[in-house]
Amino acid sequence: MADITSRQLIDEAATRVGNLGIGQTLNADELAYFQRSYRFLLDQLAEDEVLTIGDDEAIPASWAPYIATLLANLCGPAYGVPFDVNTKLGTEAILRKLVRGKETFERQQAEYF
């Protein structure tokens, strides 16, 4: 199974928003904005129990288009693209289906009595 990095995912989201063209790179401010929004998105997905990413350098490629869509939807208003709640809900439903019943490889927290 192929993996991608968080930077590749951020570049994909920036392309979907229309901020990044072929052969271009994000400037420092734009990269910081997308990275911050990416962190916010991952926190929200974890709190909503949609999915948790254990390693930002090994994100399953099958999740990538959906996470990039959510990130683009979240960052879109800063670039003139309105936030769409239906995109958010539909994409989260797809991610729930993809991760249902799969290992997350997260460390278990021991609970002592």
C-alpha atoms as a PDB file:
ATOM      1  CA  MET A   1       0.000   0.000   0.000  1.00  0.00           C
ATOM      2  CA  ALA A   2       1.426   3.387  -0.986  1.00  0.00           C
ATOM      3  CA  ASP A   3       1.851   6.259   1.452  1.00  0.00           C
ATOM      4  CA  ILE A   4       2.145  10.008   1.036  1.00  0.00           C
ATOM      5  CA  THR A   5       3.524  12.753   3.264  1.00  0.00           C
ATOM      6  CA  SER A   6       1.673  15.637   4.854  1.00  0.00           C
ATOM      7  CA  ARG A   7       3.489  18.061   2.529  1.00  0.00           C
ATOM      8  CA  GLN A   8       2.229  16.183  -0.537  1.00  0.00           C
ATOM      9  CA  LEU A   9      -1.268  16.291   0.910  1.00  0.00           C
ATOM     10  CA  ILE A  10      -0.972  20.050   1.570  1.00  0.00           C
ATOM     11  CA  ASP A  11       0.209  20.631  -2.002  1.00  0.00           C
ATOM     12  CA  GLU A  12      -2.778  18.668  -3.307  1.00  0.00           C
ATOM     13  CA  ALA A  13      -5.182  20.739  -1.196  1.00  0.00           C
ATOM     14  CA  ALA A  14      -3.553  23.994  -2.367  1.00  0.00           C
ATOM     15  CA  THR A  15      -3.972  22.844  -5.967  1.00  0.00           C
ATOM     16  CA  ARG A  16      -7.660  22.082  -5.371  1.00  0.00           C
ATOM     17  CA  VAL A  17      -8.189  25.589  -3.974  1.00  0.00           C
ATOM     18  CA  GLY A  18      -6.512  27.025  -7.047  1.00  0.00           C
ATOM     19  CA  ASN A  19      -3.590  28.464  -5.119  1.00  0.00           C
ATOM     20  CA  LEU A  20      -0.905  26.194  -6.530  1.00  0.00           C
ATOM     21  CA  GLY A  21      -0.239  25.620 -10.211  1.00  0.00           C
ATOM     22  CA  ILE A  22       1.814  22.902 -11.859  1.00  0.00           C
ATOM     23  CA  GLY A  23       5.504  23.322 -11.074  1.00  0.00           C
ATOM     24  CA  GLN A  24       4.870  25.958  -8.398  1.00  0.00           C
ATOM     25  CA  THR A  25       5.559  25.817  -4.682  1.00  0.00           C
ATOM     26  CA  LEU A  26       3.796  27.521  -1.804  1.00  0.00           C
ATOM     27  CA  ASN A  27       5.498  30.569  -0.334  1.00  0.00           C
ATOM     28  CA  ALA A  28       6.350  30.520   3.380  1.00  0.00           C
ATOM     29  CA  ASP A  29       3.196  32.314   4.548  1.00  0.00           C
ATOM     30  CA  GLU A  30       0.866  30.153   2.474  1.00  0.00           C
ATOM     31  CA  LEU A  31       2.644  26.981   3.587  1.00  0.00           C
ATOM     32  CA  ALA A  32       2.331  28.024   7.233  1.00  0.00           C
ATOM     33  CA  TYR A  33      -1.389  28.722   6.723  1.00  0.00           C
ATOM     34  CA  PHE A  34      -2.000  25.309   5.127  1.00  0.00           C
ATOM     35  CA  GLN A  35       0.104  23.503   7.759  1.00  0.00           C
ATOM     36  CA  ARG A  36      -1.796  25.217  10.591  1.00  0.00           C
ATOM     37  CA  SER A  37      -5.126  24.380   8.950  1.00  0.00           C
ATOM     38  CA  TYR A  38      -3.945  20.787   8.417  1.00  0.00           C
ATOM     39  CA  ARG A  39      -3.258  20.482  12.172  1.00  0.00           C
ATOM     40  CA  PHE A  40      -6.704  21.938  12.947  1.00  0.00           C
ATOM     41  CA  LEU A  41      -8.297  19.460  10.545  1.00  0.00           C
ATOM     42  CA  LEU A  42      -6.503  16.465  12.059  1.00  0.00           C
ATOM     43  CA  ASP A  43      -7.522  17.549  15.562  1.00  0.00           C
ATOM     44  CA  GLN A  44     -11.138  17.888  14.451  1.00  0.00           C
ATOM     45  CA  LEU A  45     -11.137  14.495  12.696  1.00  0.00           C
ATOM     46  CA  ALA A  46      -9.676  12.858  15.814  1.00  0.00           C
ATOM     47  CA  GLU A  47     -12.200  14.549  18.131  1.00  0.00           C
ATOM     48  CA  ASP A  48     -15.070  13.485  15.882  1.00  0.00           C
ATOM     49  CA  GLU A  49     -13.613   9.946  15.872  1.00  0.00           C
ATOM     50  CA  VAL A  50     -13.390   9.903  12.088  1.00  0.00           C
ATOM     51  CA  LEU A  51      -9.709   8.953  11.918  1.00  0.00           C
ATOM     52  CA  THR A  52      -6.368   9.525  13.576  1.00  0.00           C
ATOM     53  CA  ILE A  53      -3.103   9.807  11.699  1.00  0.00           C
ATOM     54  CA  GLY A  54      -0.186   8.373  13.632  1.00  0.00           C
ATOM     55  CA  ASP A  55       2.612   9.334  11.213  1.00  0.00           C
ATOM     56  CA  ASP A  56       2.483  12.449   9.023  1.00  0.00           C
ATOM     57  CA  GLU A  57       5.125  10.953   6.760  1.00  0.00           C
ATOM     58  CA  ALA A  58       3.126   7.788   6.032  1.00  0.00           C
ATOM     59  CA  ILE A  59      -0.483   8.705   5.309  1.00  0.00           C
ATOM     60  CA  PRO A  60      -2.275   5.934   3.399  1.00  0.00           C
ATOM     61  CA  ALA A  61      -2.695   7.024  -0.213  1.00  0.00           C
ATOM     62  CA  SER A  62      -6.296   5.783  -0.230  1.00  0.00           C
ATOM     63  CA  TRP A  63      -7.155   8.463   2.353  1.00  0.00           C
ATOM     64  CA  ALA A  64      -5.257  11.270   0.587  1.00  0.00           C
ATOM     65  CA  PRO A  65      -7.867  12.570  -1.862  1.00  0.00           C
ATOM     66  CA  TYR A  66     -10.462  12.796   0.886  1.00  0.00           C
ATOM     67  CA  ILE A  67      -8.210  14.519   3.422  1.00  0.00           C
ATOM     68  CA  ALA A  68      -7.040  16.904   0.675  1.00  0.00           C
ATOM     69  CA  THR A  69     -10.690  17.670  -0.139  1.00  0.00           C
ATOM     70  CA  LEU A  70     -11.429  18.436   3.510  1.00  0.00           C
ATOM     71  CA  LEU A  71      -8.326  20.619   3.805  1.00  0.00           C
ATOM     72  CA  ALA A  72      -9.176  22.492   0.596  1.00  0.00           C
ATOM     73  CA  ASN A  73     -12.721  23.018   1.876  1.00  0.00           C
ATOM     74  CA  LEU A  74     -11.354  24.351   5.174  1.00  0.00           C
ATOM     75  CA  CYS A  75      -8.801  26.693   3.529  1.00  0.00           C
ATOM     76  CA  GLY A  76     -10.996  27.719   0.614  1.00  0.00           C
ATOM     77  CA  PRO A  77     -12.604  30.806   2.166  1.00  0.00           C
ATOM     78  CA  ALA A  78      -9.178  32.478   2.426  1.00  0.00           C
ATOM     79  CA  TYR A  79      -8.906  32.110  -1.366  1.00  0.00           C
ATOM     80  CA  GLY A  80     -12.460  33.048  -2.337  1.00  0.00           C
ATOM     81  CA  VAL A  81     -13.905  29.519  -2.376  1.00  0.00           C
ATOM     82  CA  PRO A  82     -16.858  29.186   0.025  1.00  0.00           C
ATOM     83  CA  PHE A  83     -16.920  26.495   2.726  1.00  0.00           C
ATOM     84  CA  ASP A  84     -19.349  23.689   1.848  1.00  0.00           C
ATOM     85  CA  VAL A  85     -20.779  21.759   4.779  1.00  0.00           C
ATOM     86  CA  ASN A  86     -22.124  19.027   2.468  1.00  0.00           C
ATOM     87  CA  THR A  87     -18.622  18.381   1.133  1.00  0.00           C
ATOM     88  CA  LYS A  88     -17.387  18.108   4.724  1.00  0.00           C
ATOM     89  CA  LEU A  89     -20.095  15.684   5.816  1.00  0.00           C
ATOM     90  CA  GLY A  90     -19.919  13.513   2.692  1.00  0.00           C
ATOM     91  CA  THR A  91     -16.130  13.290   2.728  1.00  0.00           C
ATOM     92  CA  GLU A  92     -16.034  12.444   6.439  1.00  0.00           C
ATOM     93  CA  ALA A  93     -18.560   9.659   5.802  1.00  0.00           C
ATOM     94  CA  ILE A  94     -16.287   8.202   3.119  1.00  0.00           C
ATOM     95  CA  LEU A  95     -13.282   8.363   5.465  1.00  0.00           C
ATOM     96  CA  ARG A  96     -15.260   6.621   8.223  1.00  0.00           C
ATOM     97  CA  LYS A  97     -16.037   3.832   5.781  1.00  0.00           C
ATOM     98  CA  LEU A  98     -12.391   3.528   4.712  1.00  0.00           C
ATOM     99  CA  VAL A  99     -11.001   3.259   8.250  1.00  0.00           C
ATOM    100  CA  ARG A 100     -13.759   1.166   9.766  1.00  0.00           C
ATOM    101  CA  GLY A 101     -12.286  -1.917  11.375  1.00  0.00           C
ATOM    102  CA  LYS A 102      -8.671  -1.227  10.428  1.00  0.00           C
ATOM    103  CA  GLU A 103      -5.611  -0.974  12.608  1.00  0.00           C
ATOM    104  CA  THR A 104      -4.429   2.557  13.408  1.00  0.00           C
ATOM    105  CA  PHE A 105      -1.002   1.497  14.741  1.00  0.00           C
ATOM    106  CA  GLU A 106      -1.351   4.065  17.503  1.00  0.00           C
ATOM    107  CA  ARG A 107       0.270   3.431  20.850  1.00  0.00           C
ATOM    108  CA  GLN A 108      -2.100   2.129  23.459  1.00  0.00           C
ATOM    109  CA  GLN A 109      -2.383   4.034  26.723  1.00  0.00           C
ATOM    110  CA  ALA A 110      -2.250   1.751  29.714  1.00  0.00           C
ATOM    111  CA  GLU A 111      -4.818   2.356  32.445  1.00  0.00           C
ATOM    112  CA  TYR A 112      -3.777   1.258  35.893  1.00  0.00           C
ATOM    113  CA  PHE A 113      -6.306   0.912  38.673  1.00  0.00           C
END
